[in-house]
Amino acid sequence: MNHPPTALAQTGARELSTSSSPFVPGKPLTAQQPLFGRDDVLRHLASGLRSAQFASFNLVGERRIGKTSLLNHLEGHADRHLPAAPGQPPFVVVRLNLQGDLKSEARFYGALLSGVVERIPALAAEFPPRVEASAAECQQLLHRVNASRAAKVVVLVDEFECIFEPSNTAYAQPGFCNNLRTLCGDNHLALILATRQPLKEYFEQQKMTSTLLSYLTPLQLGELSPAAADALLTQPSDHPLDNRQVRLARQWAGTHPCRLQCAADALYWSQVQSETDAQAKARYEEKAANLCFVNPAHLSVLSSKGLSHRLKRRNVQAAGLALIGLGSLWWWKKLHWLTAALIWGKANIWPLAILGIVLLLLFGKVSFEQVMNALVKKTLDNDEEKGK
């Protein structure tokens, strides 16, 4: 026999259907959703863009740290973040995403040209919007905008590291980056390029050079401050988190924005569905595992992923090869030339030390000030020992 649902069950079902969590796990925040802990970054970007240098930036941060959310807010609230100075042209913000349909340089320039013309319709007759365009056409457009003082163009590019993927052959390097540098010239536009690693590292991995780097100020996007993390967790809702739940969320997620969203969302629904803390934590761990990127640099070197990540670093590989080489030489040290070299090294320890310091200075591993401080400290230590 089917029994009608109890009043309590009906109330619970109705509450579940009408509840709406304010937390957004695993998705970029839209411009209409609150952004926590990024006011300083937005002010820094706005200050550079509004300066006489019309600065460009490389926004750096691991996956799920909030780069896209920040760009969404900068674009969606450009009037608030980038008000035009008296006597200066207004800012025009164009947003491009290299994970979208921009599969070639021509499409990139086409989207850039169309984005500018869409925001400055007076240029449409001279520069009609198009799917594909060339760097030269974009340069002509930007020169026209700059000469007429119609606007100051700011281009936000998300997922810029996509152009360096081995499978991506549509963006010729370093030509594409050099063209972007040319477009930045004479303050024609400012770039904000979002990448997971500093752009300099991608250039080093590709063994390429470009003066584009000299136009970009690196800006690291890290985890939230404790105060910002608490502000995120205590957002108003129909089931706000209490102090105990806020402490639980911080204990589980630290200050990582994506993990905090997952923890807060799990605790929110645990209230709605009358679940225990253990059930909420299991829900959080499942969400975090599916949605949050774990930076392998943060993992223990004893874990397989942490060790594998570190072994992929160039400096670790170079050190490993050096150790292997020295180990091999150690086994062959009976060779007369090596024995002679070791004897010479012992007899000429100071020239070797000076040579080593000079090499470190030349390669920029230490500064002259550091060397002098070390020498002074060593001299003082020796004087103290003699005094004793």
Protein backbone atom coordinates (compact mmCIF):
# COMPACT_ATOMS: atom_id res chain seq x y z
CA MET A 1 0.00 0.00 0.00
CA ASN A 2 1.33 3.43 -0.93
CA HIS A 3 1.22 5.85 1.99
CA PRO A 4 0.94 9.59 1.36
CA PRO A 5 4.09 11.53 2.19
CA THR A 6 4.28 12.95 5.68
CA ALA A 7 4.09 16.68 6.32
CA LEU A 8 7.80 16.66 7.24
CA ALA A 9 8.74 14.94 3.95
CA GLN A 10 6.58 17.35 1.97
CA THR A 11 8.25 20.30 3.71
CA GLY A 12 11.72 18.87 3.01
CA ALA A 13 10.97 18.27 -0.66
CA ARG A 14 9.52 21.76 -1.05
CA GLU A 15 12.56 23.29 0.69
CA LEU A 16 14.96 21.33 -1.54
CA SER A 17 13.19 22.49 -4.71
CA THR A 18 13.20 26.15 -3.68
CA SER A 19 16.71 26.31 -2.22
CA SER A 20 19.43 27.99 -4.23
CA SER A 21 23.08 27.86 -3.22
CA PRO A 22 25.01 31.12 -3.67
CA PHE A 23 28.22 29.12 -4.09
CA VAL A 24 29.66 28.30 -7.52
CA PRO A 25 31.94 25.25 -7.44
CA GLY A 26 34.10 24.65 -10.49
CA LYS A 27 32.71 27.38 -12.76
CA PRO A 28 34.08 30.86 -13.51
CA LEU A 29 32.12 33.60 -11.80
CA THR A 30 30.11 35.90 -14.03
CA ALA A 31 30.36 39.66 -13.71
CA GLN A 32 27.05 39.61 -11.79
CA GLN A 33 28.31 37.19 -9.11
CA PRO A 34 30.36 38.49 -6.16
CA LEU A 35 34.13 38.26 -6.49
CA PHE A 36 36.08 38.04 -3.23
CA GLY A 37 39.65 38.97 -2.45
CA ARG A 38 40.62 40.40 -5.85
CA ASP A 39 40.14 44.13 -5.25
CA ASP A 40 43.89 44.73 -4.94
CA VAL A 41 44.57 42.91 -8.22
CA LEU A 42 41.85 44.84 -10.04
CA ARG A 43 43.19 48.12 -8.67
CA HIS A 44 46.72 47.19 -9.77
CA LEU A 45 45.52 46.38 -13.29
CA ALA A 46 43.45 49.56 -13.48
CA SER A 47 46.35 51.68 -12.23
CA GLY A 48 48.67 50.31 -14.91
CA LEU A 49 46.10 50.71 -17.68
CA ARG A 50 45.28 54.27 -16.67
CA SER A 51 48.94 55.28 -16.39
CA ALA A 52 50.80 57.17 -19.08
CA GLN A 53 52.59 53.93 -20.01
CA PHE A 54 49.23 52.20 -20.74
CA ALA A 55 50.80 49.06 -19.25
CA SER A 56 50.16 45.49 -20.37
CA PHE A 57 50.12 42.49 -18.01
CA ASN A 58 50.70 38.74 -17.87
CA LEU A 59 48.12 37.44 -15.38
CA VAL A 60 49.57 34.20 -13.97
CA GLY A 61 47.79 31.54 -11.92
CA GLU A 62 47.10 27.83 -11.76
CA ARG A 63 43.84 26.35 -12.99
CA ARG A 64 40.73 27.11 -10.90
CA ILE A 65 42.49 29.97 -9.10
CA GLY A 66 40.11 32.56 -10.58
CA LYS A 67 41.79 34.10 -13.66
CA THR A 68 38.68 33.82 -15.83
CA SER A 69 36.44 35.11 -13.04
CA LEU A 70 38.67 38.16 -12.64
CA LEU A 71 38.65 38.85 -16.38
CA ASN A 72 34.85 38.50 -16.39
CA HIS A 73 34.59 41.17 -13.70
CA LEU A 74 37.08 43.50 -15.36
CA GLU A 75 35.15 43.24 -18.64
CA GLY A 76 31.69 43.38 -17.09
CA HIS A 77 32.49 46.35 -14.83
CA ALA A 78 34.90 48.24 -17.08
CA ASP A 79 33.03 51.52 -16.46
CA ARG A 80 33.70 51.17 -12.73
CA HIS A 81 37.27 49.84 -12.88
CA LEU A 82 38.44 51.89 -15.88
CA PRO A 83 36.73 55.28 -15.84
CA ALA A 84 38.09 57.67 -18.42
CA ALA A 85 40.32 60.40 -17.04
CA PRO A 86 39.33 64.03 -17.79
CA GLY A 87 40.32 64.91 -21.33
CA GLN A 88 41.21 61.29 -22.15
CA PRO A 89 39.38 58.87 -24.49
CA PRO A 90 37.25 56.12 -22.92
CA PHE A 91 38.48 52.57 -22.50
CA VAL A 92 37.21 49.86 -24.82
CA VAL A 93 37.59 46.29 -23.52
CA VAL A 94 37.69 43.35 -25.97
CA ARG A 95 37.63 39.81 -24.64
CA LEU A 96 39.18 36.84 -26.49
CA ASN A 97 39.47 33.20 -25.42
CA LEU A 98 41.98 30.95 -27.15
CA GLN A 99 40.08 27.84 -26.05
CA GLY A 100 37.16 28.92 -28.20
CA ASP A 101 36.89 29.19 -31.98
CA LEU A 102 40.11 31.16 -32.46
CA LYS A 103 41.96 28.26 -34.02
CA SER A 104 44.24 30.39 -36.18
CA GLU A 105 45.99 33.72 -36.22
CA ALA A 106 43.58 35.00 -38.88
CA ARG A 107 40.59 34.22 -36.64
CA PHE A 108 42.31 35.84 -33.67
CA TYR A 109 42.87 39.06 -35.59
CA GLY A 110 39.35 38.84 -37.03
CA ALA A 111 37.85 38.59 -33.53
CA LEU A 112 40.05 41.47 -32.34
CA LEU A 113 39.06 43.72 -35.26
CA SER A 114 35.36 42.84 -34.97
CA GLY A 115 35.41 43.36 -31.19
CA VAL A 116 36.85 46.86 -31.53
CA VAL A 117 34.46 47.85 -34.35
CA GLU A 118 31.47 46.47 -32.41
CA ARG A 119 32.31 48.89 -29.58
CA ILE A 120 33.14 51.80 -31.93
CA PRO A 121 30.41 51.53 -34.63
CA ALA A 122 31.64 54.66 -36.42
CA LEU A 123 34.54 52.58 -37.79
CA ALA A 124 32.32 49.83 -39.27
CA ALA A 125 32.19 51.37 -42.75
CA GLU A 126 35.96 51.60 -43.01
CA PHE A 127 36.69 48.33 -41.19
CA PRO A 128 33.70 45.99 -41.61
CA PRO A 129 33.58 43.12 -39.07
CA ARG A 130 34.88 39.82 -40.38
CA VAL A 131 35.72 36.31 -39.22
CA GLU A 132 39.34 36.50 -40.35
CA ALA A 133 41.76 39.39 -40.63
CA SER A 134 45.50 40.06 -40.72
CA ALA A 135 47.85 41.68 -38.24
CA ALA A 136 48.35 44.53 -40.71
CA GLU A 137 44.59 45.21 -40.86
CA CYS A 138 44.41 45.27 -37.05
CA GLN A 139 47.36 47.65 -36.96
CA GLN A 140 45.61 49.99 -39.42
CA LEU A 141 42.45 49.90 -37.32
CA LEU A 142 44.29 50.59 -34.06
CA HIS A 143 46.27 53.40 -35.68
CA ARG A 144 42.96 54.93 -36.79
CA VAL A 145 41.50 54.59 -33.28
CA ASN A 146 44.61 56.10 -31.71
CA ALA A 147 44.83 58.97 -34.17
CA SER A 148 41.16 59.90 -33.71
CA ARG A 149 41.37 59.45 -29.93
CA ALA A 150 38.17 57.42 -30.16
CA ALA A 151 39.19 55.00 -27.41
CA LYS A 152 41.99 53.24 -25.55
CA VAL A 153 41.75 49.55 -26.49
CA VAL A 154 42.34 46.89 -23.83
CA VAL A 155 42.42 43.25 -24.99
CA LEU A 156 41.85 40.45 -22.46
CA VAL A 157 43.11 37.07 -23.69
CA ASP A 158 42.26 33.98 -21.63
CA GLU A 159 44.12 30.66 -21.92
CA PHE A 160 46.96 32.30 -23.86
CA GLU A 161 49.20 29.27 -23.21
CA CYS A 162 47.16 27.35 -25.83
CA ILE A 163 49.31 28.87 -28.57
CA PHE A 164 52.34 27.01 -27.19
CA GLU A 165 50.80 23.53 -27.26
CA PRO A 166 52.70 21.12 -29.55
CA SER A 167 49.48 20.29 -31.44
CA ASN A 168 48.81 23.98 -32.16
CA THR A 169 50.64 24.79 -35.37
CA ALA A 170 48.24 27.54 -36.51
CA TYR A 171 50.06 30.20 -34.47
CA ALA A 172 53.53 30.64 -35.95
CA GLN A 173 56.11 31.46 -33.29
CA PRO A 174 57.73 33.80 -32.54
CA GLY A 175 56.00 35.72 -35.36
CA PHE A 176 52.61 35.87 -33.65
CA CYS A 177 54.07 37.19 -30.38
CA ASN A 178 56.18 39.72 -32.27
CA ASN A 179 53.04 40.93 -34.08
CA LEU A 180 51.30 41.42 -30.73
CA ARG A 181 54.29 43.42 -29.54
CA THR A 182 53.99 45.58 -32.66
CA LEU A 183 50.29 46.19 -31.93
CA CYS A 184 51.25 47.30 -28.41
CA GLY A 185 53.71 49.79 -29.84
CA ASP A 186 52.94 53.51 -29.58
CA ASN A 187 50.23 52.70 -27.00
CA HIS A 188 47.87 51.40 -29.69
CA LEU A 189 46.52 48.80 -27.27
CA ALA A 190 47.16 47.17 -23.90
CA LEU A 191 47.15 43.41 -23.38
CA ILE A 192 46.20 41.30 -20.37
CA LEU A 193 47.31 37.74 -21.19
CA ALA A 194 46.15 35.06 -18.73
CA THR A 195 48.41 32.00 -18.46
CA ARG A 196 48.99 29.16 -15.98
CA GLN A 197 52.75 29.73 -15.85
CA PRO A 198 54.70 32.95 -16.40
CA LEU A 199 54.93 33.68 -20.10
CA LYS A 200 58.71 33.72 -19.77
CA GLU A 201 58.67 30.00 -18.92
CA TYR A 202 56.72 29.12 -22.08
CA PHE A 203 59.25 31.09 -24.11
CA GLU A 204 62.11 29.20 -22.45
CA GLN A 205 60.42 25.85 -23.07
CA GLN A 206 59.98 26.75 -26.74
CA LYS A 207 63.54 28.13 -26.88
CA MET A 208 62.19 31.28 -28.49
CA THR A 209 62.74 34.98 -27.92
CA SER A 210 60.41 37.91 -28.41
CA THR A 211 60.38 41.50 -27.24
CA LEU A 212 56.72 40.97 -26.24
CA LEU A 213 57.96 40.00 -22.78
CA SER A 214 59.40 43.46 -22.23
CA TYR A 215 55.91 44.94 -22.67
CA LEU A 216 54.23 42.68 -20.08
CA THR A 217 54.29 43.08 -16.31
CA PRO A 218 53.88 39.66 -14.59
CA LEU A 219 51.06 39.61 -12.02
CA GLN A 220 50.63 36.46 -9.92
CA LEU A 221 47.12 35.47 -8.86
CA GLY A 222 47.31 33.40 -5.68
CA GLU A 223 44.96 32.04 -3.07
CA LEU A 224 42.66 34.28 -1.04
CA SER A 225 43.50 36.05 2.18
CA PRO A 226 41.86 34.60 5.33
CA ALA A 227 39.50 37.59 5.49
CA ALA A 228 38.45 37.14 1.84
CA ALA A 229 37.98 33.40 2.38
CA ASP A 230 35.66 34.09 5.33
CA ALA A 231 33.74 36.68 3.29
CA LEU A 232 33.19 34.09 0.55
CA LEU A 233 31.95 31.51 3.06
CA THR A 234 29.58 33.86 4.86
CA GLN A 235 27.66 35.03 1.79
CA PRO A 236 23.99 35.67 2.56
CA SER A 237 21.64 32.85 1.59
CA ASP A 238 18.50 31.04 2.74
CA HIS A 239 20.81 28.64 4.63
CA PRO A 240 23.87 30.71 5.66
CA LEU A 241 26.87 28.91 7.12
CA ASP A 242 27.39 29.35 10.84
CA ASN A 243 30.77 29.91 12.50
CA ARG A 244 31.34 26.20 13.08
CA GLN A 245 30.69 25.41 9.41
CA VAL A 246 32.95 28.26 8.32
CA ARG A 247 35.75 26.76 10.40
CA LEU A 248 35.05 23.33 8.87
CA ALA A 249 35.19 24.74 5.33
CA ARG A 250 38.49 26.49 6.06
CA GLN A 251 39.87 23.29 7.57
CA TRP A 252 38.95 21.30 4.47
CA ALA A 253 39.71 23.82 1.74
CA GLY A 254 42.28 26.27 3.12
CA THR A 255 42.08 29.51 1.16
CA HIS A 256 41.90 28.15 -2.40
CA PRO A 257 38.87 29.85 -4.03
CA CYS A 258 37.61 26.84 -5.99
CA ARG A 259 37.99 24.48 -3.04
CA LEU A 260 36.24 26.99 -0.78
CA GLN A 261 33.31 27.15 -3.20
CA CYS A 262 33.13 23.33 -3.16
CA ALA A 263 33.30 23.13 0.65
CA ALA A 264 30.73 25.89 1.16
CA ASP A 265 28.36 24.36 -1.40
CA ALA A 266 28.64 20.94 0.26
CA LEU A 267 27.89 22.42 3.69
CA TYR A 268 24.99 24.45 2.28
CA TRP A 269 23.30 21.36 0.85
CA SER A 270 24.03 19.39 3.99
CA GLN A 271 21.81 21.90 5.81
CA VAL A 272 19.11 21.72 3.19
CA GLN A 273 19.07 17.90 3.27
CA SER A 274 19.80 17.54 7.01
CA GLU A 275 23.05 15.65 6.42
CA THR A 276 25.89 15.09 8.87
CA ASP A 277 29.30 16.76 8.69
CA ALA A 278 30.78 13.47 7.52
CA GLN A 279 28.33 13.36 4.61
CA ALA A 280 29.10 17.00 3.78
CA LYS A 281 32.83 16.29 3.78
CA ALA A 282 32.35 13.29 1.47
CA ARG A 283 30.32 15.51 -0.86
CA TYR A 284 33.07 18.16 -0.75
CA GLU A 285 35.86 15.67 -1.47
CA GLU A 286 33.95 14.31 -4.47
CA LYS A 287 33.34 17.81 -5.83
CA ALA A 288 36.94 18.88 -5.23
CA ALA A 289 38.33 15.77 -6.91
CA ASN A 290 36.13 16.31 -9.98
CA LEU A 291 36.40 20.06 -10.28
CA CYS A 292 39.50 21.43 -8.60
CA PHE A 293 42.93 21.36 -10.08
CA VAL A 294 45.56 20.34 -7.57
CA ASN A 295 48.84 22.10 -8.21
CA PRO A 296 51.47 19.30 -8.17
CA ALA A 297 54.00 21.82 -6.87
CA HIS A 298 52.00 21.81 -3.63
CA LEU A 299 52.14 18.02 -3.27
CA SER A 300 54.72 16.23 -1.18
CA VAL A 301 57.88 15.19 -2.96
CA LEU A 302 57.21 11.71 -1.55
CA SER A 303 53.96 11.41 -3.55
CA SER A 304 54.13 10.02 -7.08
CA LYS A 305 52.55 13.13 -8.66
CA GLY A 306 54.67 15.51 -6.61
CA LEU A 307 57.87 13.66 -7.46
CA SER A 308 56.94 13.36 -11.15
CA HIS A 309 56.22 17.10 -11.37
CA ARG A 310 59.57 18.02 -9.83
CA LEU A 311 61.49 15.63 -12.08
CA LYS A 312 60.05 17.46 -15.09
CA ARG A 313 61.65 20.74 -14.06
CA ARG A 314 64.67 21.73 -16.11
CA ASN A 315 66.78 22.71 -13.13
CA VAL A 316 66.07 19.36 -11.43
CA GLN A 317 66.90 17.49 -14.62
CA ALA A 318 70.13 19.47 -15.00
CA ALA A 319 71.08 18.73 -11.39
CA GLY A 320 70.27 15.05 -11.89
CA LEU A 321 72.41 14.86 -15.00
CA ALA A 322 75.22 16.62 -13.17
CA LEU A 323 75.03 14.12 -10.32
CA ILE A 324 75.01 11.23 -12.74
CA GLY A 325 78.02 12.70 -14.53
CA LEU A 326 79.93 13.27 -11.30
CA GLY A 327 79.03 9.80 -10.11
CA SER A 328 80.35 8.32 -13.32
CA LEU A 329 83.54 10.32 -13.00
CA TRP A 330 83.91 9.16 -9.41
CA TRP A 331 84.07 5.56 -10.55
CA TRP A 332 86.62 6.51 -13.14
CA LYS A 333 88.68 8.75 -10.89
CA LYS A 334 91.69 6.49 -11.20
CA LEU A 335 92.20 7.93 -14.65
CA HIS A 336 95.44 9.89 -14.55
CA TRP A 337 93.94 13.10 -15.91
CA LEU A 338 91.21 13.17 -13.32
CA THR A 339 93.66 12.45 -10.52
CA ALA A 340 95.88 15.25 -11.78
CA ALA A 341 92.89 17.60 -11.94
CA LEU A 342 91.89 16.78 -8.36
CA ILE A 343 95.45 17.38 -7.13
CA TRP A 344 95.58 20.69 -8.96
CA GLY A 345 92.19 21.68 -7.51
CA LYS A 346 93.37 21.01 -3.95
CA ALA A 347 96.47 23.07 -4.55
CA ASN A 348 94.55 25.95 -6.10
CA ILE A 349 91.41 26.08 -4.00
CA TRP A 350 91.22 29.91 -3.88
CA PRO A 351 91.47 30.46 -7.67
CA LEU A 352 88.75 27.84 -8.10
CA ALA A 353 86.55 29.55 -5.51
CA ILE A 354 87.01 32.94 -7.20
CA LEU A 355 86.23 31.39 -10.60
CA GLY A 356 83.07 29.85 -9.18
CA ILE A 357 81.92 33.18 -7.72
CA VAL A 358 82.60 34.95 -11.03
CA LEU A 359 80.54 32.35 -12.92
CA LEU A 360 77.67 32.70 -10.44
CA LEU A 361 77.75 36.47 -10.92
CA LEU A 362 77.85 36.17 -14.71
CA PHE A 363 74.84 33.80 -14.78
CA GLY A 364 72.91 36.01 -12.37
CA LYS A 365 72.60 33.33 -9.68
CA VAL A 366 73.96 35.67 -7.00
CA SER A 367 74.42 39.43 -6.74
CA PHE A 368 77.61 41.30 -5.91
CA GLU A 369 75.96 42.51 -2.71
CA GLN A 370 75.27 38.92 -1.62
CA VAL A 371 78.91 37.97 -2.24
CA MET A 372 80.20 40.93 -0.23
CA ASN A 373 77.79 40.22 2.63
CA ALA A 374 78.95 36.59 2.73
CA LEU A 375 82.62 37.63 2.79
CA VAL A 376 82.04 40.15 5.59
CA LYS A 377 80.12 37.57 7.62
CA LYS A 378 82.88 34.98 7.11
CA THR A 379 85.53 37.50 8.18
CA LEU A 380 83.60 38.42 11.32
CA ASP A 381 83.09 34.75 12.17
CA ASN A 382 86.83 34.08 11.79
CA ASP A 383 87.65 37.09 14.03
CA GLU A 384 85.24 35.80 16.71
CA GLU A 385 86.87 32.34 16.63
CA LYS A 386 90.36 33.87 16.98
CA GLY A 387 89.12 36.02 19.85
CA LYS A 388 87.95 32.93 21.69
